[in-house]
Amino acid sequence: MQLEAFLKSRGVPFERHTHPVTYTSQGLAQAEHVSGYLVAKPVIVRGERGFAMCVLPAPKHLDLKRTAQALGEKEVRLASEKEMADLFPECELGAEPPVGSLFGLKTVMDTRLAEDEYLIMQAGSHTEAIKMRRLDWQKVCEAAVASIAAD
């Protein structure tokens, strides 16, 4: 698995979990028996400078205006399914891990995620998840922190 090798190469401790098939971040929270606020949901956007990965708690929605400001862009739009498939060819569509640095993408995390000790995330498939310390995740992602979720 690409994500596991990436984390191991950086000496980052993590737990790998297998769970029933889930197609949403909230479904992952239910399968893992945790609050959706502990599940890191990636949302890919595109601006004039290219793609970026935005990461927010599962129950939240992305505010595109705030995101554009955080990225220093005039405006951003959500990536299409075709663009997602091209960006993440080794991942099942909709199960992309929220680790932008793994894919050469700038990462911005919502401030609400900065409050938690650990995070749960999809690991590239709809049946596998990774649990890891939020500080470790933030470090390997080189994630900037900004208020990008809608209120």
C-alpha atoms as a PDB file:
ATOM      1  CA  MET A   1       0.000   0.000   0.000  1.00  0.00           C
ATOM      2  CA  GLN A   2       1.355   3.373  -1.051  1.00  0.00           C
ATOM      3  CA  LEU A   3       0.271   5.304   2.085  1.00  0.00           C
ATOM      4  CA  GLU A   4       1.683   2.759   4.518  1.00  0.00           C
ATOM      5  CA  ALA A   5       5.059   2.724   2.742  1.00  0.00           C
ATOM      6  CA  PHE A   6       5.099   6.529   2.763  1.00  0.00           C
ATOM      7  CA  LEU A   7       4.415   6.706   6.508  1.00  0.00           C
ATOM      8  CA  LYS A   8       6.920   3.944   7.320  1.00  0.00           C
ATOM      9  CA  SER A   9       9.619   5.690   5.270  1.00  0.00           C
ATOM     10  CA  ARG A  10       9.159   8.733   7.495  1.00  0.00           C
ATOM     11  CA  GLY A  11       9.146   6.761  10.743  1.00  0.00           C
ATOM     12  CA  VAL A  12       5.566   7.714  11.542  1.00  0.00           C
ATOM     13  CA  PRO A  13       3.638   5.338  13.811  1.00  0.00           C
ATOM     14  CA  PHE A  14       0.112   4.428  12.707  1.00  0.00           C
ATOM     15  CA  GLU A  15      -2.552   1.753  13.038  1.00  0.00           C
ATOM     16  CA  ARG A  16      -4.067   0.076   9.983  1.00  0.00           C
ATOM     17  CA  HIS A  17      -7.743  -0.847  10.312  1.00  0.00           C
ATOM     18  CA  THR A  18      -9.899  -3.000   8.060  1.00  0.00           C
ATOM     19  CA  HIS A  19     -13.628  -2.290   8.082  1.00  0.00           C
ATOM     20  CA  PRO A  20     -16.787  -3.012   6.073  1.00  0.00           C
ATOM     21  CA  VAL A  21     -17.092  -1.105   2.795  1.00  0.00           C
ATOM     22  CA  THR A  22     -17.786   2.606   3.299  1.00  0.00           C
ATOM     23  CA  TYR A  23     -18.266   5.229   0.616  1.00  0.00           C
ATOM     24  CA  THR A  24     -18.382   8.388   2.731  1.00  0.00           C
ATOM     25  CA  SER A  25     -16.282   9.927   5.471  1.00  0.00           C
ATOM     26  CA  GLN A  26     -19.256   9.808   7.825  1.00  0.00           C
ATOM     27  CA  GLY A  27     -19.646   6.117   6.959  1.00  0.00           C
ATOM     28  CA  LEU A  28     -16.006   5.618   7.902  1.00  0.00           C
ATOM     29  CA  ALA A  29     -16.675   7.306  11.247  1.00  0.00           C
ATOM     30  CA  GLN A  30     -19.538   4.881  11.884  1.00  0.00           C
ATOM     31  CA  ALA A  31     -17.449   1.867  10.852  1.00  0.00           C
ATOM     32  CA  GLU A  32     -14.630   2.996  13.163  1.00  0.00           C
ATOM     33  CA  HIS A  33     -17.045   3.888  15.999  1.00  0.00           C
ATOM     34  CA  VAL A  34     -15.718   7.444  16.306  1.00  0.00           C
ATOM     35  CA  SER A  35     -17.081  10.950  15.909  1.00  0.00           C
ATOM     36  CA  GLY A  36     -17.035  12.275  12.363  1.00  0.00           C
ATOM     37  CA  TYR A  37     -14.949  15.138  13.719  1.00  0.00           C
ATOM     38  CA  LEU A  38     -12.043  12.682  14.083  1.00  0.00           C
ATOM     39  CA  VAL A  39     -12.221  11.606  10.427  1.00  0.00           C
ATOM     40  CA  ALA A  40     -10.023  13.636   8.078  1.00  0.00           C
ATOM     41  CA  LYS A  41     -11.953  14.160   4.830  1.00  0.00           C
ATOM     42  CA  PRO A  42      -9.965  15.265   1.773  1.00  0.00           C
ATOM     43  CA  VAL A  43     -11.503  17.618  -0.772  1.00  0.00           C
ATOM     44  CA  ILE A  44      -9.505  18.428  -3.893  1.00  0.00           C
ATOM     45  CA  VAL A  45      -9.750  21.886  -5.410  1.00  0.00           C
ATOM     46  CA  ARG A  46      -8.226  23.514  -8.454  1.00  0.00           C
ATOM     47  CA  GLY A  47      -7.158  27.113  -8.865  1.00  0.00           C
ATOM     48  CA  GLU A  48      -4.941  28.971 -11.317  1.00  0.00           C
ATOM     49  CA  ARG A  49      -1.845  27.502  -9.616  1.00  0.00           C
ATOM     50  CA  GLY A  50      -3.079  23.933  -9.870  1.00  0.00           C
ATOM     51  CA  PHE A  51      -4.590  21.409  -7.500  1.00  0.00           C
ATOM     52  CA  ALA A  52      -4.545  21.463  -3.714  1.00  0.00           C
ATOM     53  CA  MET A  53      -5.815  19.098  -1.034  1.00  0.00           C
ATOM     54  CA  CYS A  54      -8.111  20.535   1.611  1.00  0.00           C
ATOM     55  CA  VAL A  55      -8.719  18.433   4.700  1.00  0.00           C
ATOM     56  CA  LEU A  56     -11.613  18.946   7.072  1.00  0.00           C
ATOM     57  CA  PRO A  57     -13.698  16.974   9.573  1.00  0.00           C
ATOM     58  CA  ALA A  58     -16.150  14.566   7.929  1.00  0.00           C
ATOM     59  CA  PRO A  59     -19.338  16.429   8.968  1.00  0.00           C
ATOM     60  CA  LYS A  60     -18.135  19.739   7.534  1.00  0.00           C
ATOM     61  CA  HIS A  61     -18.381  21.193   4.028  1.00  0.00           C
ATOM     62  CA  LEU A  62     -15.717  23.220   2.279  1.00  0.00           C
ATOM     63  CA  ASP A  63     -16.121  26.991   1.934  1.00  0.00           C
ATOM     64  CA  LEU A  64     -14.648  27.734  -1.508  1.00  0.00           C
ATOM     65  CA  LYS A  65     -14.151  31.463  -0.831  1.00  0.00           C
ATOM     66  CA  ARG A  66     -12.223  30.831   2.394  1.00  0.00           C
ATOM     67  CA  THR A  67     -10.249  28.118   0.647  1.00  0.00           C
ATOM     68  CA  ALA A  68      -9.287  30.420  -2.216  1.00  0.00           C
ATOM     69  CA  GLN A  69      -8.076  33.005   0.310  1.00  0.00           C
ATOM     70  CA  ALA A  70      -6.078  30.401   2.241  1.00  0.00           C
ATOM     71  CA  LEU A  71      -4.415  29.236  -0.979  1.00  0.00           C
ATOM     72  CA  GLY A  72      -3.752  32.749  -2.266  1.00  0.00           C
ATOM     73  CA  GLU A  73      -6.017  32.120  -5.248  1.00  0.00           C
ATOM     74  CA  LYS A  74      -8.613  34.396  -6.818  1.00  0.00           C
ATOM     75  CA  GLU A  75     -11.051  31.482  -6.886  1.00  0.00           C
ATOM     76  CA  VAL A  76     -11.059  27.696  -6.709  1.00  0.00           C
ATOM     77  CA  ARG A  77     -13.412  24.968  -7.866  1.00  0.00           C
ATOM     78  CA  LEU A  78     -13.897  21.362  -6.864  1.00  0.00           C
ATOM     79  CA  ALA A  79     -11.933  18.816  -8.882  1.00  0.00           C
ATOM     80  CA  SER A  80     -13.971  16.647 -11.241  1.00  0.00           C
ATOM     81  CA  GLU A  81     -14.173  12.856 -10.916  1.00  0.00           C
ATOM     82  CA  LYS A  82     -11.958  12.539 -14.010  1.00  0.00           C
ATOM     83  CA  GLU A  83      -9.352  14.825 -12.456  1.00  0.00           C
ATOM     84  CA  MET A  84      -9.547  12.831  -9.221  1.00  0.00           C
ATOM     85  CA  ALA A  85      -9.011   9.561 -11.078  1.00  0.00           C
ATOM     86  CA  ASP A  86      -5.992  11.071 -12.850  1.00  0.00           C
ATOM     87  CA  LEU A  87      -4.508  12.497  -9.628  1.00  0.00           C
ATOM     88  CA  PHE A  88      -4.969   9.301  -7.597  1.00  0.00           C
ATOM     89  CA  PRO A  89      -4.638   6.361 -10.020  1.00  0.00           C
ATOM     90  CA  GLU A  90      -3.697   3.866  -7.295  1.00  0.00           C
ATOM     91  CA  CYS A  91      -6.678   4.758  -5.081  1.00  0.00           C
ATOM     92  CA  GLU A  92     -10.305   3.749  -5.290  1.00  0.00           C
ATOM     93  CA  LEU A  93     -12.332   6.814  -6.294  1.00  0.00           C
ATOM     94  CA  GLY A  94     -13.572   8.499  -3.135  1.00  0.00           C
ATOM     95  CA  ALA A  95     -11.081   6.735  -0.840  1.00  0.00           C
ATOM     96  CA  GLU A  96      -8.089   9.014  -1.359  1.00  0.00           C
ATOM     97  CA  PRO A  97      -5.951   9.414   1.759  1.00  0.00           C
ATOM     98  CA  PRO A  98      -5.753  13.028   2.986  1.00  0.00           C
ATOM     99  CA  VAL A  99      -1.971  13.192   2.633  1.00  0.00           C
ATOM    100  CA  GLY A 100      -1.301  15.757  -0.066  1.00  0.00           C
ATOM    101  CA  SER A 101       2.485  15.442   0.159  1.00  0.00           C
ATOM    102  CA  LEU A 102       2.191  11.804  -0.950  1.00  0.00           C
ATOM    103  CA  PHE A 103       0.767  13.061  -4.251  1.00  0.00           C
ATOM    104  CA  GLY A 104       2.754  16.290  -4.604  1.00  0.00           C
ATOM    105  CA  LEU A 105      -0.200  18.446  -3.554  1.00  0.00           C
ATOM    106  CA  LYS A 106      -0.215  21.435  -1.237  1.00  0.00           C
ATOM    107  CA  THR A 107      -2.295  20.581   1.843  1.00  0.00           C
ATOM    108  CA  VAL A 108      -4.479  22.914   3.895  1.00  0.00           C
ATOM    109  CA  MET A 109      -6.235  21.579   6.983  1.00  0.00           C
ATOM    110  CA  ASP A 110      -9.229  23.175   8.653  1.00  0.00           C
ATOM    111  CA  THR A 111      -8.616  24.662  12.091  1.00  0.00           C
ATOM    112  CA  ARG A 112     -11.166  22.289  13.631  1.00  0.00           C
ATOM    113  CA  LEU A 113      -8.852  19.322  12.973  1.00  0.00           C
ATOM    114  CA  ALA A 114      -6.042  21.038  14.888  1.00  0.00           C
ATOM    115  CA  GLU A 115      -7.912  20.387  18.142  1.00  0.00           C
ATOM    116  CA  ASP A 116      -7.705  16.589  18.068  1.00  0.00           C
ATOM    117  CA  GLU A 117      -4.992  14.225  19.285  1.00  0.00           C
ATOM    118  CA  TYR A 118      -5.470  11.671  16.511  1.00  0.00           C
ATOM    119  CA  LEU A 119      -7.194  11.291  13.147  1.00  0.00           C
ATOM    120  CA  ILE A 120      -8.781   8.475  11.169  1.00  0.00           C
ATOM    121  CA  MET A 121      -8.529   8.527   7.375  1.00  0.00           C
ATOM    122  CA  GLN A 122      -9.226   6.439   4.305  1.00  0.00           C
ATOM    123  CA  ALA A 123      -6.114   4.612   3.145  1.00  0.00           C
ATOM    124  CA  GLY A 124      -6.790   4.398  -0.585  1.00  0.00           C
ATOM    125  CA  SER A 125      -9.564   1.801  -0.503  1.00  0.00           C
ATOM    126  CA  HIS A 126     -13.128   1.705   0.783  1.00  0.00           C
ATOM    127  CA  THR A 127     -12.243  -1.031   3.303  1.00  0.00           C
ATOM    128  CA  GLU A 128      -9.019   0.244   4.887  1.00  0.00           C
ATOM    129  CA  ALA A 129      -8.312   3.113   7.240  1.00  0.00           C
ATOM    130  CA  ILE A 130      -5.323   4.570   9.029  1.00  0.00           C
ATOM    131  CA  LYS A 131      -5.340   5.968  12.552  1.00  0.00           C
ATOM    132  CA  MET A 132      -2.454   8.227  13.510  1.00  0.00           C
ATOM    133  CA  ARG A 133      -1.521  11.145  15.715  1.00  0.00           C
ATOM    134  CA  ARG A 134      -2.715  14.424  14.258  1.00  0.00           C
ATOM    135  CA  LEU A 135       0.642  16.120  14.870  1.00  0.00           C
ATOM    136  CA  ASP A 136       2.440  13.353  12.938  1.00  0.00           C
ATOM    137  CA  TRP A 137      -0.062  13.650  10.101  1.00  0.00           C
ATOM    138  CA  GLN A 138       0.271  17.426   9.985  1.00  0.00           C
ATOM    139  CA  LYS A 139       4.068  17.142   9.877  1.00  0.00           C
ATOM    140  CA  VAL A 140       4.244  14.590   7.035  1.00  0.00           C
ATOM    141  CA  CYS A 141       1.638  16.529   5.047  1.00  0.00           C
ATOM    142  CA  GLU A 142       3.383  19.838   5.649  1.00  0.00           C
ATOM    143  CA  ALA A 143      -0.177  21.078   6.123  1.00  0.00           C
ATOM    144  CA  ALA A 144      -0.993  24.740   6.498  1.00  0.00           C
ATOM    145  CA  VAL A 145      -3.824  25.520   8.929  1.00  0.00           C
ATOM    146  CA  ALA A 146      -6.727  27.788   7.954  1.00  0.00           C
ATOM    147  CA  SER A 147     -10.445  28.169   8.552  1.00  0.00           C
ATOM    148  CA  ILE A 148     -11.710  26.560   5.325  1.00  0.00           C
ATOM    149  CA  ALA A 149     -14.895  24.801   6.484  1.00  0.00           C
ATOM    150  CA  ALA A 150     -18.286  26.439   6.121  1.00  0.00           C
ATOM    151  CA  ASP A 151     -19.905  27.460   9.397  1.00  0.00           C
END
